[in-house]
Amino acid sequence: MPECRNLLSPRAVRRYPAVLLTASRRLARACPETLTGLKSRPFPAGIPALRHIISILLQNEAGALARVANMFSARGYNIDSLSVAPTHDSTVSRLTLVTNGSDDVVHQIVQQTRKLIDVVEIEDLVTQDHLECELVLIKVEASGDVIAQVTECARKHRAILLDESAETRTIRLAGTGAEVDEFVSELSAIADVLELVRSGVAALGRGTQIMAMPA
């Protein structure tokens, strides 16, 4: 399909990088033959890597988490966040890992991770409709006129004030990674950040999409 090839031409990539990022997966499904020669070709300079949310059902065995993390780090992929906790089945934990990279390479890592004996199931949730949430606790220096500004910022973002002292405020916010980033950026412009901790992303597929142990 010539029109698909034109959309993926170097000129199109340079002129419309945002369009490439948002449409690449749809183009891959519609015109798979156009991507045949692109697997080993990196994105042009200035094009950010794609974000991936990898969800893994993992047996509660010693060393299982380290083996999964090593599959990514050994290939030079940084793990932006990682959260893990037991599920309703006490023998299985759910691990959610966020990384950035090309679709092809991350897909290869996912397929290799699936072969680990500790891994029950694994999915890249960005390939489907999903819900995600992250928790942040942030303590800022606040006194005088700054207190009102901090309070208004928290109200604007629907954050919750957990603790207050004569010189500090501690606030909790739950939201997507982008919402947490926006809140932290705006609050840090108002008051000095003393402490900050983020939980990492937790994510689930929407609707009837269920990630479960094979029958």
C-alpha atoms as a PDB file:
ATOM      1  CA  MET A   1       0.000   0.000   0.000  1.00  0.00           C
ATOM      2  CA  PRO A   2       1.924   3.120  -1.222  1.00  0.00           C
ATOM      3  CA  GLU A   3       0.043   5.525   1.049  1.00  0.00           C
ATOM      4  CA  CYS A   4       1.265   3.599   4.110  1.00  0.00           C
ATOM      5  CA  ARG A   5       4.852   3.666   2.872  1.00  0.00           C
ATOM      6  CA  ASN A   6       4.613   7.430   2.374  1.00  0.00           C
ATOM      7  CA  LEU A   7       3.446   7.890   5.963  1.00  0.00           C
ATOM      8  CA  LEU A   8       6.535   6.041   7.188  1.00  0.00           C
ATOM      9  CA  SER A   9       8.999   7.786   4.870  1.00  0.00           C
ATOM     10  CA  PRO A  10      11.961   9.649   6.448  1.00  0.00           C
ATOM     11  CA  ARG A  11      10.466  12.980   5.353  1.00  0.00           C
ATOM     12  CA  ALA A  12       7.176  12.181   7.110  1.00  0.00           C
ATOM     13  CA  VAL A  13       9.016  11.098  10.257  1.00  0.00           C
ATOM     14  CA  ARG A  14      10.983  14.353  10.403  1.00  0.00           C
ATOM     15  CA  ARG A  15       7.960  16.549   9.744  1.00  0.00           C
ATOM     16  CA  TYR A  16       5.380  14.725  11.865  1.00  0.00           C
ATOM     17  CA  PRO A  17       7.104  12.893  14.757  1.00  0.00           C
ATOM     18  CA  ALA A  18       4.045  13.106  17.044  1.00  0.00           C
ATOM     19  CA  VAL A  19       1.844  11.554  14.370  1.00  0.00           C
ATOM     20  CA  LEU A  20       4.309   8.698  13.965  1.00  0.00           C
ATOM     21  CA  LEU A  21       4.270   7.956  17.682  1.00  0.00           C
ATOM     22  CA  THR A  22       0.497   7.878  17.988  1.00  0.00           C
ATOM     23  CA  ALA A  23      -0.166   6.008  14.718  1.00  0.00           C
ATOM     24  CA  SER A  24       2.715   3.523  14.542  1.00  0.00           C
ATOM     25  CA  ARG A  25       0.820   0.617  16.100  1.00  0.00           C
ATOM     26  CA  ARG A  26      -2.238   1.182  13.893  1.00  0.00           C
ATOM     27  CA  LEU A  27      -0.013   1.323  10.806  1.00  0.00           C
ATOM     28  CA  ALA A  28       1.650  -1.903  11.872  1.00  0.00           C
ATOM     29  CA  ARG A  29      -1.715  -3.647  11.942  1.00  0.00           C
ATOM     30  CA  ALA A  30      -2.999  -2.068   8.725  1.00  0.00           C
ATOM     31  CA  CYS A  31       0.227  -2.329   6.690  1.00  0.00           C
ATOM     32  CA  PRO A  32       2.480  -4.963   8.284  1.00  0.00           C
ATOM     33  CA  GLU A  33       4.509  -5.318   5.087  1.00  0.00           C
ATOM     34  CA  THR A  34       5.755  -1.714   5.383  1.00  0.00           C
ATOM     35  CA  LEU A  35       7.555  -2.496   8.648  1.00  0.00           C
ATOM     36  CA  THR A  36       9.408  -5.569   7.407  1.00  0.00           C
ATOM     37  CA  GLY A  37      12.673  -3.704   6.883  1.00  0.00           C
ATOM     38  CA  LEU A  38      12.391  -1.412   9.901  1.00  0.00           C
ATOM     39  CA  LYS A  39      13.020  -3.882  12.746  1.00  0.00           C
ATOM     40  CA  SER A  40      16.730  -3.142  12.989  1.00  0.00           C
ATOM     41  CA  ARG A  41      16.408   0.537  12.075  1.00  0.00           C
ATOM     42  CA  PRO A  42      16.362   2.976  15.039  1.00  0.00           C
ATOM     43  CA  PHE A  43      14.017   5.935  15.264  1.00  0.00           C
ATOM     44  CA  PRO A  44      15.513   9.166  13.866  1.00  0.00           C
ATOM     45  CA  ALA A  45      17.220  11.482  16.348  1.00  0.00           C
ATOM     46  CA  GLY A  46      14.744  13.451  18.428  1.00  0.00           C
ATOM     47  CA  ILE A  47      11.967  10.839  18.331  1.00  0.00           C
ATOM     48  CA  PRO A  48      11.250   9.650  21.891  1.00  0.00           C
ATOM     49  CA  ALA A  49      10.984   5.938  22.647  1.00  0.00           C
ATOM     50  CA  LEU A  50       7.522   4.481  23.216  1.00  0.00           C
ATOM     51  CA  ARG A  51       6.263   3.833  26.737  1.00  0.00           C
ATOM     52  CA  HIS A  52       5.394   0.258  27.660  1.00  0.00           C
ATOM     53  CA  ILE A  53       3.530  -1.065  30.716  1.00  0.00           C
ATOM     54  CA  ILE A  54       4.492  -4.704  31.220  1.00  0.00           C
ATOM     55  CA  SER A  55       2.192  -6.666  33.536  1.00  0.00           C
ATOM     56  CA  ILE A  56       3.419 -10.034  34.818  1.00  0.00           C
ATOM     57  CA  LEU A  57       1.864 -12.768  36.939  1.00  0.00           C
ATOM     58  CA  LEU A  58       4.783 -14.248  38.841  1.00  0.00           C
ATOM     59  CA  GLN A  59       5.133 -17.224  41.154  1.00  0.00           C
ATOM     60  CA  ASN A  60       6.200 -16.286  44.679  1.00  0.00           C
ATOM     61  CA  GLU A  61       9.644 -17.859  44.496  1.00  0.00           C
ATOM     62  CA  ALA A  62      12.996 -16.561  45.745  1.00  0.00           C
ATOM     63  CA  GLY A  63      14.885 -14.741  42.980  1.00  0.00           C
ATOM     64  CA  ALA A  64      11.911 -14.543  40.590  1.00  0.00           C
ATOM     65  CA  LEU A  65      11.787 -10.730  40.638  1.00  0.00           C
ATOM     66  CA  ALA A  66      15.540 -10.434  40.024  1.00  0.00           C
ATOM     67  CA  ARG A  67      15.360 -12.783  37.029  1.00  0.00           C
ATOM     68  CA  VAL A  68      12.582 -10.750  35.412  1.00  0.00           C
ATOM     69  CA  ALA A  69      14.328  -7.413  36.015  1.00  0.00           C
ATOM     70  CA  ASN A  70      17.549  -8.816  34.553  1.00  0.00           C
ATOM     71  CA  MET A  71      15.808  -9.614  31.259  1.00  0.00           C
ATOM     72  CA  PHE A  72      15.395  -5.854  30.716  1.00  0.00           C
ATOM     73  CA  SER A  73      18.585  -4.502  32.312  1.00  0.00           C
ATOM     74  CA  ALA A  74      20.784  -7.010  30.475  1.00  0.00           C
ATOM     75  CA  ARG A  75      19.598  -5.480  27.188  1.00  0.00           C
ATOM     76  CA  GLY A  76      20.252  -1.922  28.306  1.00  0.00           C
ATOM     77  CA  TYR A  77      16.625  -1.064  29.014  1.00  0.00           C
ATOM     78  CA  ASN A  78      16.061   1.134  32.044  1.00  0.00           C
ATOM     79  CA  ILE A  79      13.120   0.261  34.299  1.00  0.00           C
ATOM     80  CA  ASP A  80      11.302   3.543  34.993  1.00  0.00           C
ATOM     81  CA  SER A  81       9.113   2.067  37.725  1.00  0.00           C
ATOM     82  CA  LEU A  82       8.374  -1.350  39.183  1.00  0.00           C
ATOM     83  CA  SER A  83       5.683  -2.398  41.629  1.00  0.00           C
ATOM     84  CA  VAL A  84       4.897  -5.893  42.884  1.00  0.00           C
ATOM     85  CA  ALA A  85       2.500  -7.362  45.454  1.00  0.00           C
ATOM     86  CA  PRO A  86       0.544 -10.596  46.064  1.00  0.00           C
ATOM     87  CA  THR A  87      -2.746 -11.112  44.226  1.00  0.00           C
ATOM     88  CA  HIS A  88      -5.919 -12.747  45.538  1.00  0.00           C
ATOM     89  CA  ASP A  89      -4.017 -16.005  44.971  1.00  0.00           C
ATOM     90  CA  SER A  90      -1.338 -16.095  47.676  1.00  0.00           C
ATOM     91  CA  THR A  91       0.990 -18.179  45.492  1.00  0.00           C
ATOM     92  CA  VAL A  92       1.107 -15.551  42.721  1.00  0.00           C
ATOM     93  CA  SER A  93       2.220 -11.907  42.691  1.00  0.00           C
ATOM     94  CA  ARG A  94       1.461  -9.313  40.050  1.00  0.00           C
ATOM     95  CA  LEU A  95       4.371  -7.221  38.853  1.00  0.00           C
ATOM     96  CA  THR A  96       3.911  -4.030  36.852  1.00  0.00           C
ATOM     97  CA  LEU A  97       6.969  -2.670  35.084  1.00  0.00           C
ATOM     98  CA  VAL A  98       7.241   0.537  33.053  1.00  0.00           C
ATOM     99  CA  THR A  99       9.967   0.979  30.461  1.00  0.00           C
ATOM    100  CA  ASN A 100      10.594   2.913  27.253  1.00  0.00           C
ATOM    101  CA  GLY A 101      11.798   1.463  23.968  1.00  0.00           C
ATOM    102  CA  SER A 102      10.914   0.328  20.464  1.00  0.00           C
ATOM    103  CA  ASP A 103       7.925  -1.975  20.033  1.00  0.00           C
ATOM    104  CA  ASP A 104       9.991  -4.669  18.343  1.00  0.00           C
ATOM    105  CA  VAL A 105      12.708  -4.937  20.986  1.00  0.00           C
ATOM    106  CA  VAL A 106      10.287  -4.794  23.927  1.00  0.00           C
ATOM    107  CA  HIS A 107       8.155  -7.470  22.236  1.00  0.00           C
ATOM    108  CA  GLN A 108      11.230  -9.709  21.962  1.00  0.00           C
ATOM    109  CA  ILE A 109      12.057  -9.182  25.643  1.00  0.00           C
ATOM    110  CA  VAL A 110       8.449  -9.969  26.619  1.00  0.00           C
ATOM    111  CA  GLN A 111       8.548 -13.204  24.625  1.00  0.00           C
ATOM    112  CA  GLN A 112      11.847 -14.219  26.250  1.00  0.00           C
ATOM    113  CA  THR A 113      10.553 -13.317  29.717  1.00  0.00           C
ATOM    114  CA  ARG A 114       7.513 -15.536  29.086  1.00  0.00           C
ATOM    115  CA  LYS A 115       9.883 -18.518  28.949  1.00  0.00           C
ATOM    116  CA  LEU A 116      11.122 -17.996  32.528  1.00  0.00           C
ATOM    117  CA  ILE A 117       9.902 -20.783  34.784  1.00  0.00           C
ATOM    118  CA  ASP A 118       8.613 -18.298  37.394  1.00  0.00           C
ATOM    119  CA  VAL A 119       6.443 -16.364  34.897  1.00  0.00           C
ATOM    120  CA  VAL A 120       2.801 -17.486  34.763  1.00  0.00           C
ATOM    121  CA  GLU A 121       1.558 -14.852  32.295  1.00  0.00           C
ATOM    122  CA  ILE A 122       2.852 -11.589  30.793  1.00  0.00           C
ATOM    123  CA  GLU A 123       1.266  -8.816  28.716  1.00  0.00           C
ATOM    124  CA  ASP A 124       2.199  -5.389  27.377  1.00  0.00           C
ATOM    125  CA  LEU A 125      -0.870  -3.405  28.428  1.00  0.00           C
ATOM    126  CA  VAL A 126      -0.253  -0.511  26.030  1.00  0.00           C
ATOM    127  CA  THR A 127      -1.418  -2.808  23.232  1.00  0.00           C
ATOM    128  CA  GLN A 128      -4.947  -2.749  24.695  1.00  0.00           C
ATOM    129  CA  ASP A 129      -7.316  -0.368  26.447  1.00  0.00           C
ATOM    130  CA  HIS A 130      -6.239  -0.200  30.079  1.00  0.00           C
ATOM    131  CA  LEU A 131      -6.501   1.689  33.347  1.00  0.00           C
ATOM    132  CA  GLU A 132      -3.451   2.826  35.262  1.00  0.00           C
ATOM    133  CA  CYS A 133      -2.868   4.505  38.582  1.00  0.00           C
ATOM    134  CA  GLU A 134       0.130   5.692  40.590  1.00  0.00           C
ATOM    135  CA  LEU A 135       0.361   7.016  44.142  1.00  0.00           C
ATOM    136  CA  VAL A 136       2.668   9.842  45.210  1.00  0.00           C
ATOM    137  CA  LEU A 137       3.379  11.164  48.707  1.00  0.00           C
ATOM    138  CA  ILE A 138       5.099  14.537  48.739  1.00  0.00           C
ATOM    139  CA  LYS A 139       6.257  16.698  51.652  1.00  0.00           C
ATOM    140  CA  VAL A 140       6.890  20.377  50.955  1.00  0.00           C
ATOM    141  CA  GLU A 141       8.100  23.343  52.970  1.00  0.00           C
ATOM    142  CA  ALA A 142       5.132  25.630  53.563  1.00  0.00           C
ATOM    143  CA  SER A 143       4.722  28.678  55.768  1.00  0.00           C
ATOM    144  CA  GLY A 144       3.177  32.109  55.479  1.00  0.00           C
ATOM    145  CA  ASP A 145       1.585  32.924  52.128  1.00  0.00           C
ATOM    146  CA  VAL A 146       2.873  29.689  50.592  1.00  0.00           C
ATOM    147  CA  ILE A 147       0.421  27.631  52.648  1.00  0.00           C
ATOM    148  CA  ALA A 148      -2.577  29.003  50.756  1.00  0.00           C
ATOM    149  CA  GLN A 149      -0.882  28.355  47.401  1.00  0.00           C
ATOM    150  CA  VAL A 150      -0.030  24.774  48.362  1.00  0.00           C
ATOM    151  CA  THR A 151      -3.590  24.173  49.546  1.00  0.00           C
ATOM    152  CA  GLU A 152      -5.048  25.564  46.323  1.00  0.00           C
ATOM    153  CA  CYS A 153      -2.702  23.423  44.202  1.00  0.00           C
ATOM    154  CA  ALA A 154      -3.767  20.308  46.123  1.00  0.00           C
ATOM    155  CA  ARG A 155      -7.449  21.217  45.719  1.00  0.00           C
ATOM    156  CA  LYS A 156      -7.009  21.841  41.977  1.00  0.00           C
ATOM    157  CA  HIS A 157      -5.502  18.378  41.458  1.00  0.00           C
ATOM    158  CA  ARG A 158      -7.883  16.655  43.908  1.00  0.00           C
ATOM    159  CA  ALA A 159      -5.002  15.664  46.143  1.00  0.00           C
ATOM    160  CA  ILE A 160      -5.421  14.919  49.856  1.00  0.00           C
ATOM    161  CA  LEU A 161      -3.626  16.725  52.685  1.00  0.00           C
ATOM    162  CA  LEU A 162      -2.333  13.992  55.023  1.00  0.00           C
ATOM    163  CA  ASP A 163      -0.236  15.916  57.514  1.00  0.00           C
ATOM    164  CA  GLU A 164       0.609  19.485  58.434  1.00  0.00           C
ATOM    165  CA  SER A 165       3.014  21.226  60.764  1.00  0.00           C
ATOM    166  CA  ALA A 166       4.078  24.825  61.297  1.00  0.00           C
ATOM    167  CA  GLU A 167       6.510  24.573  58.375  1.00  0.00           C
ATOM    168  CA  THR A 168       5.472  21.564  56.250  1.00  0.00           C
ATOM    169  CA  ARG A 169       2.590  19.988  54.385  1.00  0.00           C
ATOM    170  CA  THR A 170       2.416  16.325  53.306  1.00  0.00           C
ATOM    171  CA  ILE A 171       0.077  15.563  50.410  1.00  0.00           C
ATOM    172  CA  ARG A 172      -1.132  12.398  48.668  1.00  0.00           C
ATOM    173  CA  LEU A 173      -2.263  12.122  45.057  1.00  0.00           C
ATOM    174  CA  ALA A 174      -3.404   9.103  43.058  1.00  0.00           C
ATOM    175  CA  GLY A 175      -3.616   9.326  39.281  1.00  0.00           C
ATOM    176  CA  THR A 176      -1.960   8.383  36.017  1.00  0.00           C
ATOM    177  CA  GLY A 177       1.771   8.882  35.628  1.00  0.00           C
ATOM    178  CA  ALA A 178       1.129  12.027  33.589  1.00  0.00           C
ATOM    179  CA  GLU A 179      -1.200  13.444  36.259  1.00  0.00           C
ATOM    180  CA  VAL A 180       1.372  12.766  38.977  1.00  0.00           C
ATOM    181  CA  ASP A 181       4.103  14.423  36.897  1.00  0.00           C
ATOM    182  CA  GLU A 182       1.946  17.498  36.330  1.00  0.00           C
ATOM    183  CA  PHE A 183       1.061  17.817  40.022  1.00  0.00           C
ATOM    184  CA  VAL A 184       4.666  17.414  41.204  1.00  0.00           C
ATOM    185  CA  SER A 185       5.884  19.946  38.638  1.00  0.00           C
ATOM    186  CA  GLU A 186       3.282  22.547  39.627  1.00  0.00           C
ATOM    187  CA  LEU A 187       3.703  22.031  43.376  1.00  0.00           C
ATOM    188  CA  SER A 188       7.508  22.169  43.224  1.00  0.00           C
ATOM    189  CA  ALA A 189       7.235  25.560  41.505  1.00  0.00           C
ATOM    190  CA  ILE A 190       5.295  26.838  44.516  1.00  0.00           C
ATOM    191  CA  ALA A 191       7.172  25.265  47.446  1.00  0.00           C
ATOM    192  CA  ASP A 192      10.477  23.507  48.113  1.00  0.00           C
ATOM    193  CA  VAL A 193      10.117  19.715  47.998  1.00  0.00           C
ATOM    194  CA  LEU A 194      11.564  18.077  51.130  1.00  0.00           C
ATOM    195  CA  GLU A 195      10.636  14.450  50.425  1.00  0.00           C
ATOM    196  CA  LEU A 196       8.883  12.562  47.634  1.00  0.00           C
ATOM    197  CA  VAL A 197       8.002   8.907  47.117  1.00  0.00           C
ATOM    198  CA  ARG A 198       6.097   7.289  44.234  1.00  0.00           C
ATOM    199  CA  SER A 199       4.547   3.838  44.273  1.00  0.00           C
ATOM    200  CA  GLY A 200       5.109   3.020  40.615  1.00  0.00           C
ATOM    201  CA  VAL A 201       2.320   2.264  38.166  1.00  0.00           C
ATOM    202  CA  ALA A 202      -0.423  -0.300  38.781  1.00  0.00           C
ATOM    203  CA  ALA A 203      -2.501  -1.205  35.723  1.00  0.00           C
ATOM    204  CA  LEU A 204      -5.378  -3.431  34.563  1.00  0.00           C
ATOM    205  CA  GLY A 205      -7.066  -4.047  31.236  1.00  0.00           C
ATOM    206  CA  ARG A 206     -10.471  -2.429  30.750  1.00  0.00           C
ATOM    207  CA  GLY A 207     -13.802  -4.230  30.691  1.00  0.00           C
ATOM    208  CA  THR A 208     -13.808  -7.990  30.264  1.00  0.00           C
ATOM    209  CA  GLN A 209     -10.072  -8.191  29.528  1.00  0.00           C
ATOM    210  CA  ILE A 210      -8.626 -10.380  32.304  1.00  0.00           C
ATOM    211  CA  MET A 211      -5.077 -11.461  32.893  1.00  0.00           C
ATOM    212  CA  ALA A 212      -5.244 -14.778  34.710  1.00  0.00           C
ATOM    213  CA  MET A 213      -3.375 -18.027  35.218  1.00  0.00           C
ATOM    214  CA  PRO A 214      -3.818 -20.473  32.315  1.00  0.00           C
ATOM    215  CA  ALA A 215      -6.522 -23.041  32.964  1.00  0.00           C
END
